[in-house]
Amino acid sequence: MTSTTPASAAGRFTFPGTDISVNRMGFGAMQLAGPHVFGEPKDPEECRAVLSEAIALGIDHIDTSDFYGPYVTNRLIAETLHPYPENLTLVTKIGGWRDDEGGWNMDHSPAFLRKSVEDNLERLKLDQVAIVNLRMGSATGFSDDSEIEEPMLEMRRMQEEGLIAHIGLSTVTEAQIRIAQDIAPIVCVQNHYNLIHRDDDAMIDSLAEQGIAYVPYFPLGGFLPYQAEVLDKVASELGSSIQKVSLAWLLQRSSNMLVIPGTSSRAHLRDNIAAAELTLGEDHLKRLDAIAAKG
């Protein structure tokens, strides 16, 4: 039976070489942690309610990581949703850790990556993670292209051992994607992209031709006054919000785009998911594309 839940309105995507099919509107768990993605949330019961309602509204793809909190989002997911719905796909990422001050630190050593996968399995109460994203870059920029080879070899070993079903990449260059694909199949790429941050346009098109998912983080971005003015006008014409218009634009950008907006509020969750039901016309798309070009 075909789902008619709000999250299904944007259609579905099947990861290449897998039997995993998800609604293109997913959920990012990052905001379930405390401020700056560090520590415990102010209202853990609301966070659990958000997770439960996300499932009820048709979300079947949740993006998480042990370094959100750290450990907070994975614990909340397991406490709230385990045993998991049969159709739920959990995607985690590894390659970083948080220090006691909340700083973000990268570590791509094979031993650390293996320990990270094992920790995710334990905290999420899984025998195998459906998809694990290897994060290479940091907030300060991309790593050297050649640095991806050793961690990818470890990812392939863990896949061969059955700890990981499928491999994704995060914060990577096109050259790193090609190097990674020479080592093991890649099913998704998660990079910084939104209506005004469009460095990955060519990458998205290339991945679409290969049937590989692209998952943008920071999907709402930050707008300069003249950009916000155009976006606000389009939203007003549609009787919508700038957040929903921004998410709808992503969903219409390419059929391989999976959107994972996050929130710790049920009201915001409903608003985000409603973006899957919003259709932007050609004139709206043209005007929205123009603000990125002007920027």
C-alpha atoms as a PDB file:
ATOM      1  CA  MET A   1       0.000   0.000   0.000  1.00  0.00           C
ATOM      2  CA  THR A   2       1.386   3.438  -0.972  1.00  0.00           C
ATOM      3  CA  SER A   3       1.966   5.842   1.897  1.00  0.00           C
ATOM      4  CA  THR A   4      -0.002   9.083   1.896  1.00  0.00           C
ATOM      5  CA  THR A   5       1.824  10.638   4.838  1.00  0.00           C
ATOM      6  CA  PRO A   6       3.130  14.216   4.415  1.00  0.00           C
ATOM      7  CA  ALA A   7       6.786  13.161   4.183  1.00  0.00           C
ATOM      8  CA  SER A   8       6.012  11.010   1.149  1.00  0.00           C
ATOM      9  CA  ALA A   9       4.694  13.927  -0.915  1.00  0.00           C
ATOM     10  CA  ALA A  10       8.108  14.646  -2.469  1.00  0.00           C
ATOM     11  CA  GLY A  11       8.496  11.071  -3.688  1.00  0.00           C
ATOM     12  CA  ARG A  12      10.984   8.368  -2.857  1.00  0.00           C
ATOM     13  CA  PHE A  13      14.627   7.592  -3.534  1.00  0.00           C
ATOM     14  CA  THR A  14      16.351   4.211  -3.701  1.00  0.00           C
ATOM     15  CA  PHE A  15      20.032   4.184  -2.779  1.00  0.00           C
ATOM     16  CA  PRO A  16      22.120   2.665  -5.602  1.00  0.00           C
ATOM     17  CA  GLY A  17      22.961  -1.022  -5.327  1.00  0.00           C
ATOM     18  CA  THR A  18      20.691  -1.434  -2.295  1.00  0.00           C
ATOM     19  CA  ASP A  19      17.132  -2.371  -1.410  1.00  0.00           C
ATOM     20  CA  ILE A  20      16.853   0.778   0.763  1.00  0.00           C
ATOM     21  CA  SER A  21      14.117   3.134  -0.399  1.00  0.00           C
ATOM     22  CA  VAL A  22      13.240   6.260   1.608  1.00  0.00           C
ATOM     23  CA  ASN A  23      10.998   9.292   1.398  1.00  0.00           C
ATOM     24  CA  ARG A  24      13.052  12.220   0.116  1.00  0.00           C
ATOM     25  CA  MET A  25      11.980  14.280   3.141  1.00  0.00           C
ATOM     26  CA  GLY A  26      13.924  12.913   6.103  1.00  0.00           C
ATOM     27  CA  PHE A  27      14.917  14.128   9.558  1.00  0.00           C
ATOM     28  CA  GLY A  28      18.260  15.338  10.900  1.00  0.00           C
ATOM     29  CA  ALA A  29      18.717  14.556  14.589  1.00  0.00           C
ATOM     30  CA  MET A  30      21.462  17.105  15.267  1.00  0.00           C
ATOM     31  CA  GLN A  31      19.153  19.696  16.856  1.00  0.00           C
ATOM     32  CA  LEU A  32      17.942  17.188  19.452  1.00  0.00           C
ATOM     33  CA  ALA A  33      21.148  17.821  21.398  1.00  0.00           C
ATOM     34  CA  GLY A  34      21.732  20.918  23.535  1.00  0.00           C
ATOM     35  CA  PRO A  35      22.784  24.394  22.331  1.00  0.00           C
ATOM     36  CA  HIS A  36      25.537  24.297  19.691  1.00  0.00           C
ATOM     37  CA  VAL A  37      24.877  20.544  19.377  1.00  0.00           C
ATOM     38  CA  PHE A  38      26.514  20.039  22.779  1.00  0.00           C
ATOM     39  CA  GLY A  39      25.163  18.550  25.985  1.00  0.00           C
ATOM     40  CA  GLU A  40      21.642  17.566  26.944  1.00  0.00           C
ATOM     41  CA  PRO A  41      18.534  19.176  25.421  1.00  0.00           C
ATOM     42  CA  LYS A  42      16.486  21.622  27.458  1.00  0.00           C
ATOM     43  CA  ASP A  43      13.356  19.515  26.985  1.00  0.00           C
ATOM     44  CA  PRO A  44      14.190  15.833  26.402  1.00  0.00           C
ATOM     45  CA  GLU A  45      10.514  14.810  26.492  1.00  0.00           C
ATOM     46  CA  GLU A  46       9.753  17.181  23.613  1.00  0.00           C
ATOM     47  CA  CYS A  47      12.707  15.695  21.718  1.00  0.00           C
ATOM     48  CA  ARG A  48      11.266  12.210  22.174  1.00  0.00           C
ATOM     49  CA  ALA A  49       7.873  13.502  21.063  1.00  0.00           C
ATOM     50  CA  VAL A  50       9.497  14.982  17.938  1.00  0.00           C
ATOM     51  CA  LEU A  51      11.002  11.615  17.037  1.00  0.00           C
ATOM     52  CA  SER A  52       7.699   9.796  17.565  1.00  0.00           C
ATOM     53  CA  GLU A  53       5.745  12.346  15.530  1.00  0.00           C
ATOM     54  CA  ALA A  54       8.345  12.265  12.745  1.00  0.00           C
ATOM     55  CA  ILE A  55       7.671   8.552  12.302  1.00  0.00           C
ATOM     56  CA  ALA A  56       3.911   9.144  12.410  1.00  0.00           C
ATOM     57  CA  LEU A  57       4.233  11.781   9.652  1.00  0.00           C
ATOM     58  CA  GLY A  58       6.058   9.387   7.338  1.00  0.00           C
ATOM     59  CA  ILE A  59       9.716  10.043   8.088  1.00  0.00           C
ATOM     60  CA  ASP A  60      11.642   6.832   7.348  1.00  0.00           C
ATOM     61  CA  HIS A  61      15.208   8.215   7.165  1.00  0.00           C
ATOM     62  CA  ILE A  62      16.951   9.704  10.221  1.00  0.00           C
ATOM     63  CA  ASP A  63      20.444  11.175  10.068  1.00  0.00           C
ATOM     64  CA  THR A  64      22.430  11.081  13.309  1.00  0.00           C
ATOM     65  CA  SER A  65      25.922  10.738  14.800  1.00  0.00           C
ATOM     66  CA  ASP A  66      27.619   9.861  18.066  1.00  0.00           C
ATOM     67  CA  PHE A  67      29.296  13.282  18.051  1.00  0.00           C
ATOM     68  CA  TYR A  68      25.968  15.086  18.339  1.00  0.00           C
ATOM     69  CA  GLY A  69      25.908  15.822  22.035  1.00  0.00           C
ATOM     70  CA  PRO A  70      28.118  13.799  22.090  1.00  0.00           C
ATOM     71  CA  TYR A  71      26.071  10.596  22.307  1.00  0.00           C
ATOM     72  CA  VAL A  72      22.837  12.464  23.073  1.00  0.00           C
ATOM     73  CA  THR A  73      20.942  12.042  19.797  1.00  0.00           C
ATOM     74  CA  ASN A  74      21.763   8.353  19.424  1.00  0.00           C
ATOM     75  CA  ARG A  75      20.611   7.695  22.965  1.00  0.00           C
ATOM     76  CA  LEU A  76      17.334   9.567  22.418  1.00  0.00           C
ATOM     77  CA  ILE A  77      16.688   7.732  19.157  1.00  0.00           C
ATOM     78  CA  ALA A  78      17.228   4.321  20.766  1.00  0.00           C
ATOM     79  CA  GLU A  79      15.216   5.183  23.881  1.00  0.00           C
ATOM     80  CA  THR A  80      12.295   6.465  21.824  1.00  0.00           C
ATOM     81  CA  LEU A  81      12.145   4.304  18.721  1.00  0.00           C
ATOM     82  CA  HIS A  82      13.785   0.952  19.515  1.00  0.00           C
ATOM     83  CA  PRO A  83      12.664  -1.614  18.464  1.00  0.00           C
ATOM     84  CA  TYR A  84      12.700   0.316  15.221  1.00  0.00           C
ATOM     85  CA  PRO A  85       9.980   0.328  12.565  1.00  0.00           C
ATOM     86  CA  GLU A  86      10.876  -2.129   9.818  1.00  0.00           C
ATOM     87  CA  ASN A  87      11.053   0.614   7.181  1.00  0.00           C
ATOM     88  CA  LEU A  88      13.246   3.037   9.184  1.00  0.00           C
ATOM     89  CA  THR A  89      16.735   3.721   7.819  1.00  0.00           C
ATOM     90  CA  LEU A  90      19.254   5.104  10.305  1.00  0.00           C
ATOM     91  CA  VAL A  91      22.289   6.863   8.840  1.00  0.00           C
ATOM     92  CA  THR A  92      25.210   7.863  11.038  1.00  0.00           C
ATOM     93  CA  LYS A  93      28.521   9.572  10.400  1.00  0.00           C
ATOM     94  CA  ILE A  94      32.017   9.101  11.767  1.00  0.00           C
ATOM     95  CA  GLY A  95      35.383  10.833  11.538  1.00  0.00           C
ATOM     96  CA  GLY A  96      35.093  13.347  14.359  1.00  0.00           C
ATOM     97  CA  TRP A  97      34.737  13.751  18.113  1.00  0.00           C
ATOM     98  CA  ARG A  98      33.839  16.467  20.643  1.00  0.00           C
ATOM     99  CA  ASP A  99      36.130  17.661  23.421  1.00  0.00           C
ATOM    100  CA  ASP A 100      34.997  18.755  26.883  1.00  0.00           C
ATOM    101  CA  GLU A 101      34.584  22.354  25.730  1.00  0.00           C
ATOM    102  CA  GLY A 102      32.365  21.358  22.813  1.00  0.00           C
ATOM    103  CA  GLY A 103      35.054  21.698  20.164  1.00  0.00           C
ATOM    104  CA  TRP A 104      34.861  19.645  16.960  1.00  0.00           C
ATOM    105  CA  ASN A 105      37.917  17.489  16.271  1.00  0.00           C
ATOM    106  CA  MET A 106      38.679  15.229  13.310  1.00  0.00           C
ATOM    107  CA  ASP A 107      40.269  11.773  13.448  1.00  0.00           C
ATOM    108  CA  HIS A 108      40.448   9.501  10.405  1.00  0.00           C
ATOM    109  CA  SER A 109      42.714   6.818  11.810  1.00  0.00           C
ATOM    110  CA  PRO A 110      41.477   3.265  11.150  1.00  0.00           C
ATOM    111  CA  ALA A 111      41.355   2.422  14.866  1.00  0.00           C
ATOM    112  CA  PHE A 112      39.239   5.483  15.658  1.00  0.00           C
ATOM    113  CA  LEU A 113      36.851   4.860  12.777  1.00  0.00           C
ATOM    114  CA  ARG A 114      36.330   1.257  13.841  1.00  0.00           C
ATOM    115  CA  LYS A 115      35.713   2.263  17.468  1.00  0.00           C
ATOM    116  CA  SER A 116      33.243   4.908  16.234  1.00  0.00           C
ATOM    117  CA  VAL A 117      31.243   2.356  14.266  1.00  0.00           C
ATOM    118  CA  GLU A 118      31.221  -0.037  17.214  1.00  0.00           C
ATOM    119  CA  ASP A 119      30.037   2.752  19.538  1.00  0.00           C
ATOM    120  CA  ASN A 120      27.251   3.748  17.136  1.00  0.00           C
ATOM    121  CA  LEU A 121      26.120   0.132  16.930  1.00  0.00           C
ATOM    122  CA  GLU A 122      26.020  -0.152  20.710  1.00  0.00           C
ATOM    123  CA  ARG A 123      24.205   3.117  21.377  1.00  0.00           C
ATOM    124  CA  LEU A 124      21.703   2.683  18.562  1.00  0.00           C
ATOM    125  CA  LYS A 125      21.158  -0.976  19.532  1.00  0.00           C
ATOM    126  CA  LEU A 126      21.953  -2.251  16.051  1.00  0.00           C
ATOM    127  CA  ASP A 127      23.866  -5.231  14.686  1.00  0.00           C
ATOM    128  CA  GLN A 128      24.628  -3.343  11.484  1.00  0.00           C
ATOM    129  CA  VAL A 129      24.345   0.313  10.438  1.00  0.00           C
ATOM    130  CA  ALA A 130      22.498   0.686   7.131  1.00  0.00           C
ATOM    131  CA  ILE A 131      24.641   3.616   5.958  1.00  0.00           C
ATOM    132  CA  VAL A 132      27.709   5.187   7.557  1.00  0.00           C
ATOM    133  CA  ASN A 133      28.992   8.500   6.235  1.00  0.00           C
ATOM    134  CA  LEU A 134      32.738   9.077   6.442  1.00  0.00           C
ATOM    135  CA  ARG A 135      33.198  12.773   7.206  1.00  0.00           C
ATOM    136  CA  MET A 136      36.494  14.085   5.843  1.00  0.00           C
ATOM    137  CA  GLY A 137      36.361  17.886   6.032  1.00  0.00           C
ATOM    138  CA  SER A 138      35.931  20.123   9.056  1.00  0.00           C
ATOM    139  CA  ALA A 139      34.375  23.523   9.717  1.00  0.00           C
ATOM    140  CA  THR A 140      37.588  25.132   8.475  1.00  0.00           C
ATOM    141  CA  GLY A 141      37.617  23.408   5.081  1.00  0.00           C
ATOM    142  CA  PHE A 142      38.239  20.241   3.123  1.00  0.00           C
ATOM    143  CA  SER A 143      41.019  17.775   3.871  1.00  0.00           C
ATOM    144  CA  ASP A 144      43.666  16.982   1.264  1.00  0.00           C
ATOM    145  CA  ASP A 145      42.234  14.732  -1.429  1.00  0.00           C
ATOM    146  CA  SER A 146      44.734  11.935  -0.806  1.00  0.00           C
ATOM    147  CA  GLU A 147      43.800  11.680   2.881  1.00  0.00           C
ATOM    148  CA  ILE A 148      40.634   9.771   2.058  1.00  0.00           C
ATOM    149  CA  GLU A 149      42.372   6.599   0.863  1.00  0.00           C
ATOM    150  CA  GLU A 150      43.375   5.060   4.216  1.00  0.00           C
ATOM    151  CA  PRO A 151      40.042   5.706   5.991  1.00  0.00           C
ATOM    152  CA  MET A 152      38.134   4.398   2.971  1.00  0.00           C
ATOM    153  CA  LEU A 153      40.106   1.165   3.077  1.00  0.00           C
ATOM    154  CA  GLU A 154      38.992   0.743   6.698  1.00  0.00           C
ATOM    155  CA  MET A 155      35.408   1.533   5.733  1.00  0.00           C
ATOM    156  CA  ARG A 156      35.567  -1.213   3.117  1.00  0.00           C
ATOM    157  CA  ARG A 157      36.959  -3.679   5.665  1.00  0.00           C
ATOM    158  CA  MET A 158      34.122  -2.907   8.077  1.00  0.00           C
ATOM    159  CA  GLN A 159      31.632  -3.321   5.243  1.00  0.00           C
ATOM    160  CA  GLU A 160      33.125  -6.705   4.345  1.00  0.00           C
ATOM    161  CA  GLU A 161      32.842  -7.714   8.011  1.00  0.00           C
ATOM    162  CA  GLY A 162      29.157  -6.746   8.082  1.00  0.00           C
ATOM    163  CA  LEU A 163      29.390  -3.838  10.556  1.00  0.00           C
ATOM    164  CA  ILE A 164      28.391  -1.410   7.790  1.00  0.00           C
ATOM    165  CA  ALA A 165      25.902  -2.229   5.055  1.00  0.00           C
ATOM    166  CA  HIS A 166      26.655   0.754   2.816  1.00  0.00           C
ATOM    167  CA  ILE A 167      29.097   3.669   2.713  1.00  0.00           C
ATOM    168  CA  GLY A 168      28.473   7.393   2.280  1.00  0.00           C
ATOM    169  CA  LEU A 169      30.741  10.439   2.371  1.00  0.00           C
ATOM    170  CA  SER A 170      30.469  13.834   4.039  1.00  0.00           C
ATOM    171  CA  THR A 171      32.238  17.157   3.487  1.00  0.00           C
ATOM    172  CA  VAL A 172      34.217  15.926   0.505  1.00  0.00           C
ATOM    173  CA  THR A 173      35.494  17.165  -2.833  1.00  0.00           C
ATOM    174  CA  GLU A 174      34.711  15.657  -6.215  1.00  0.00           C
ATOM    175  CA  ALA A 175      38.263  14.272  -6.353  1.00  0.00           C
ATOM    176  CA  GLN A 176      37.757  12.531  -3.001  1.00  0.00           C
ATOM    177  CA  ILE A 177      34.534  10.976  -4.251  1.00  0.00           C
ATOM    178  CA  ARG A 178      36.379   9.489  -7.237  1.00  0.00           C
ATOM    179  CA  ILE A 179      39.168   8.117  -5.029  1.00  0.00           C
ATOM    180  CA  ALA A 180      36.594   6.624  -2.635  1.00  0.00           C
ATOM    181  CA  GLN A 181      34.669   4.992  -5.482  1.00  0.00           C
ATOM    182  CA  ASP A 182      37.814   3.206  -6.615  1.00  0.00           C
ATOM    183  CA  ILE A 183      37.849   1.519  -3.193  1.00  0.00           C
ATOM    184  CA  ALA A 184      34.157   0.812  -2.509  1.00  0.00           C
ATOM    185  CA  PRO A 185      30.713   1.798  -3.822  1.00  0.00           C
ATOM    186  CA  ILE A 186      29.345   5.100  -2.482  1.00  0.00           C
ATOM    187  CA  VAL A 187      25.575   5.487  -2.012  1.00  0.00           C
ATOM    188  CA  CYS A 188      25.309   9.090  -0.787  1.00  0.00           C
ATOM    189  CA  VAL A 189      27.227  12.337  -0.286  1.00  0.00           C
ATOM    190  CA  GLN A 190      26.423  14.844   2.456  1.00  0.00           C
ATOM    191  CA  ASN A 191      27.844  18.330   1.938  1.00  0.00           C
ATOM    192  CA  HIS A 192      27.072  21.978   2.713  1.00  0.00           C
ATOM    193  CA  TYR A 193      24.488  23.202   0.211  1.00  0.00           C
ATOM    194  CA  ASN A 194      21.442  25.440   0.166  1.00  0.00           C
ATOM    195  CA  LEU A 195      19.687  28.088  -1.905  1.00  0.00           C
ATOM    196  CA  ILE A 196      22.624  30.510  -1.691  1.00  0.00           C
ATOM    197  CA  HIS A 197      25.583  28.193  -0.997  1.00  0.00           C
ATOM    198  CA  ARG A 198      25.767  26.378  -4.320  1.00  0.00           C
ATOM    199  CA  ASP A 199      29.403  25.346  -4.786  1.00  0.00           C
ATOM    200  CA  ASP A 200      28.265  21.740  -5.344  1.00  0.00           C
ATOM    201  CA  ASP A 201      25.945  22.339  -8.304  1.00  0.00           C
ATOM    202  CA  ALA A 202      28.136  20.379 -10.730  1.00  0.00           C
ATOM    203  CA  MET A 203      28.695  17.634  -8.157  1.00  0.00           C
ATOM    204  CA  ILE A 204      24.949  17.207  -7.609  1.00  0.00           C
ATOM    205  CA  ASP A 205      24.362  16.799 -11.324  1.00  0.00           C
ATOM    206  CA  SER A 206      27.189  14.271 -11.621  1.00  0.00           C
ATOM    207  CA  LEU A 207      25.886  12.249  -8.668  1.00  0.00           C
ATOM    208  CA  ALA A 208      22.356  12.335 -10.112  1.00  0.00           C
ATOM    209  CA  GLU A 209      23.649  10.770 -13.327  1.00  0.00           C
ATOM    210  CA  GLN A 210      25.126   7.959 -11.204  1.00  0.00           C
ATOM    211  CA  GLY A 211      21.971   7.553  -9.121  1.00  0.00           C
ATOM    212  CA  ILE A 212      23.813   8.579  -5.928  1.00  0.00           C
ATOM    213  CA  ALA A 213      21.965  10.569  -3.252  1.00  0.00           C
ATOM    214  CA  TYR A 214      23.007  14.078  -2.288  1.00  0.00           C
ATOM    215  CA  VAL A 215      22.076  15.175   1.247  1.00  0.00           C
ATOM    216  CA  PRO A 216      22.585  18.897   1.985  1.00  0.00           C
ATOM    217  CA  TYR A 217      23.422  20.054   5.483  1.00  0.00           C
ATOM    218  CA  PHE A 218      22.664  23.621   6.606  1.00  0.00           C
ATOM    219  CA  PRO A 219      19.682  23.409   4.201  1.00  0.00           C
ATOM    220  CA  LEU A 220      18.207  26.762   5.244  1.00  0.00           C
ATOM    221  CA  GLY A 221      21.391  28.840   5.065  1.00  0.00           C
ATOM    222  CA  GLY A 222      21.682  32.494   6.043  1.00  0.00           C
ATOM    223  CA  PHE A 223      20.397  35.231   3.779  1.00  0.00           C
ATOM    224  CA  LEU A 224      21.641  38.736   3.053  1.00  0.00           C
ATOM    225  CA  PRO A 225      18.927  41.431   3.162  1.00  0.00           C
ATOM    226  CA  TYR A 226      18.292  41.575  -0.597  1.00  0.00           C
ATOM    227  CA  GLN A 227      18.209  37.751  -0.783  1.00  0.00           C
ATOM    228  CA  ALA A 228      15.800  37.529   2.132  1.00  0.00           C
ATOM    229  CA  GLU A 229      13.569  40.125   0.481  1.00  0.00           C
ATOM    230  CA  VAL A 230      13.174  38.017  -2.671  1.00  0.00           C
ATOM    231  CA  LEU A 231      12.647  34.835  -0.677  1.00  0.00           C
ATOM    232  CA  ASP A 232      10.089  36.508   1.573  1.00  0.00           C
ATOM    233  CA  LYS A 233       8.157  37.796  -1.444  1.00  0.00           C
ATOM    234  CA  VAL A 234       8.037  34.352  -3.047  1.00  0.00           C
ATOM    235  CA  ALA A 235       6.879  32.834   0.240  1.00  0.00           C
ATOM    236  CA  SER A 236       4.181  35.501   0.584  1.00  0.00           C
ATOM    237  CA  GLU A 237       2.894  34.830  -2.939  1.00  0.00           C
ATOM    238  CA  LEU A 238       2.629  31.132  -2.113  1.00  0.00           C
ATOM    239  CA  GLY A 239       1.063  31.713   1.281  1.00  0.00           C
ATOM    240  CA  SER A 240       4.020  29.874   2.798  1.00  0.00           C
ATOM    241  CA  SER A 241       7.121  30.505   4.897  1.00  0.00           C
ATOM    242  CA  ILE A 242      10.693  31.167   3.801  1.00  0.00           C
ATOM    243  CA  GLN A 243      11.757  27.934   5.512  1.00  0.00           C
ATOM    244  CA  LYS A 244       9.285  25.842   3.534  1.00  0.00           C
ATOM    245  CA  VAL A 245      10.181  27.596   0.284  1.00  0.00           C
ATOM    246  CA  SER A 246      13.893  26.955   0.893  1.00  0.00           C
ATOM    247  CA  LEU A 247      13.296  23.259   1.556  1.00  0.00           C
ATOM    248  CA  ALA A 248      10.906  22.918  -1.394  1.00  0.00           C
ATOM    249  CA  TRP A 249      13.537  24.494  -3.647  1.00  0.00           C
ATOM    250  CA  LEU A 250      16.035  21.831  -2.564  1.00  0.00           C
ATOM    251  CA  LEU A 251      13.583  19.022  -3.268  1.00  0.00           C
ATOM    252  CA  GLN A 252      12.911  20.418  -6.748  1.00  0.00           C
ATOM    253  CA  ARG A 253      16.596  21.068  -7.445  1.00  0.00           C
ATOM    254  CA  SER A 254      17.314  17.428  -8.279  1.00  0.00           C
ATOM    255  CA  SER A 255      15.611  14.058  -7.948  1.00  0.00           C
ATOM    256  CA  ASN A 256      18.601  12.646  -6.028  1.00  0.00           C
ATOM    257  CA  MET A 257      18.289  15.312  -3.299  1.00  0.00           C
ATOM    258  CA  LEU A 258      17.344  14.025   0.172  1.00  0.00           C
ATOM    259  CA  VAL A 259      16.462  16.765   2.643  1.00  0.00           C
ATOM    260  CA  ILE A 260      16.982  16.271   6.394  1.00  0.00           C
ATOM    261  CA  PRO A 261      15.946  19.443   8.262  1.00  0.00           C
ATOM    262  CA  GLY A 262      16.285  19.110  12.012  1.00  0.00           C
ATOM    263  CA  THR A 263      14.396  20.568  14.942  1.00  0.00           C
ATOM    264  CA  SER A 264      13.621  19.903  18.596  1.00  0.00           C
ATOM    265  CA  SER A 265      10.061  21.252  18.251  1.00  0.00           C
ATOM    266  CA  ARG A 266       7.009  19.394  16.981  1.00  0.00           C
ATOM    267  CA  ALA A 267       5.581  22.607  15.508  1.00  0.00           C
ATOM    268  CA  HIS A 268       8.753  23.213  13.482  1.00  0.00           C
ATOM    269  CA  LEU A 269       8.810  19.543  12.490  1.00  0.00           C
ATOM    270  CA  ARG A 270       5.322  19.791  10.990  1.00  0.00           C
ATOM    271  CA  ASP A 271       6.262  22.991   9.153  1.00  0.00           C
ATOM    272  CA  ASN A 272       9.417  21.413   7.727  1.00  0.00           C
ATOM    273  CA  ILE A 273       7.641  18.279   6.546  1.00  0.00           C
ATOM    274  CA  ALA A 274       4.901  20.379   4.939  1.00  0.00           C
ATOM    275  CA  ALA A 275       7.566  21.672   2.524  1.00  0.00           C
ATOM    276  CA  ALA A 276       7.339  18.302   0.747  1.00  0.00           C
ATOM    277  CA  GLU A 277       3.837  19.266  -0.369  1.00  0.00           C
ATOM    278  CA  LEU A 278       4.843  22.692  -1.737  1.00  0.00           C
ATOM    279  CA  THR A 279       5.413  23.091  -5.488  1.00  0.00           C
ATOM    280  CA  LEU A 280       7.376  26.061  -6.834  1.00  0.00           C
ATOM    281  CA  GLY A 281       6.471  27.340 -10.295  1.00  0.00           C
ATOM    282  CA  GLU A 282       8.974  28.204 -13.024  1.00  0.00           C
ATOM    283  CA  ASP A 283       8.837  31.923 -12.229  1.00  0.00           C
ATOM    284  CA  HIS A 284       9.472  31.284  -8.538  1.00  0.00           C
ATOM    285  CA  LEU A 285      12.392  28.982  -9.328  1.00  0.00           C
ATOM    286  CA  LYS A 286      13.910  31.532 -11.702  1.00  0.00           C
ATOM    287  CA  ARG A 287      13.729  34.309  -9.112  1.00  0.00           C
ATOM    288  CA  LEU A 288      15.147  32.110  -6.368  1.00  0.00           C
ATOM    289  CA  ASP A 289      18.007  30.910  -8.585  1.00  0.00           C
ATOM    290  CA  ALA A 290      18.819  34.545  -9.376  1.00  0.00           C
ATOM    291  CA  ILE A 291      19.501  35.475  -5.746  1.00  0.00           C
ATOM    292  CA  ALA A 292      22.252  32.874  -5.542  1.00  0.00           C
ATOM    293  CA  ALA A 293      23.797  34.097  -8.790  1.00  0.00           C
ATOM    294  CA  LYS A 294      23.694  37.693  -7.580  1.00  0.00           C
ATOM    295  CA  GLY A 295      25.214  36.722  -4.253  1.00  0.00           C
END
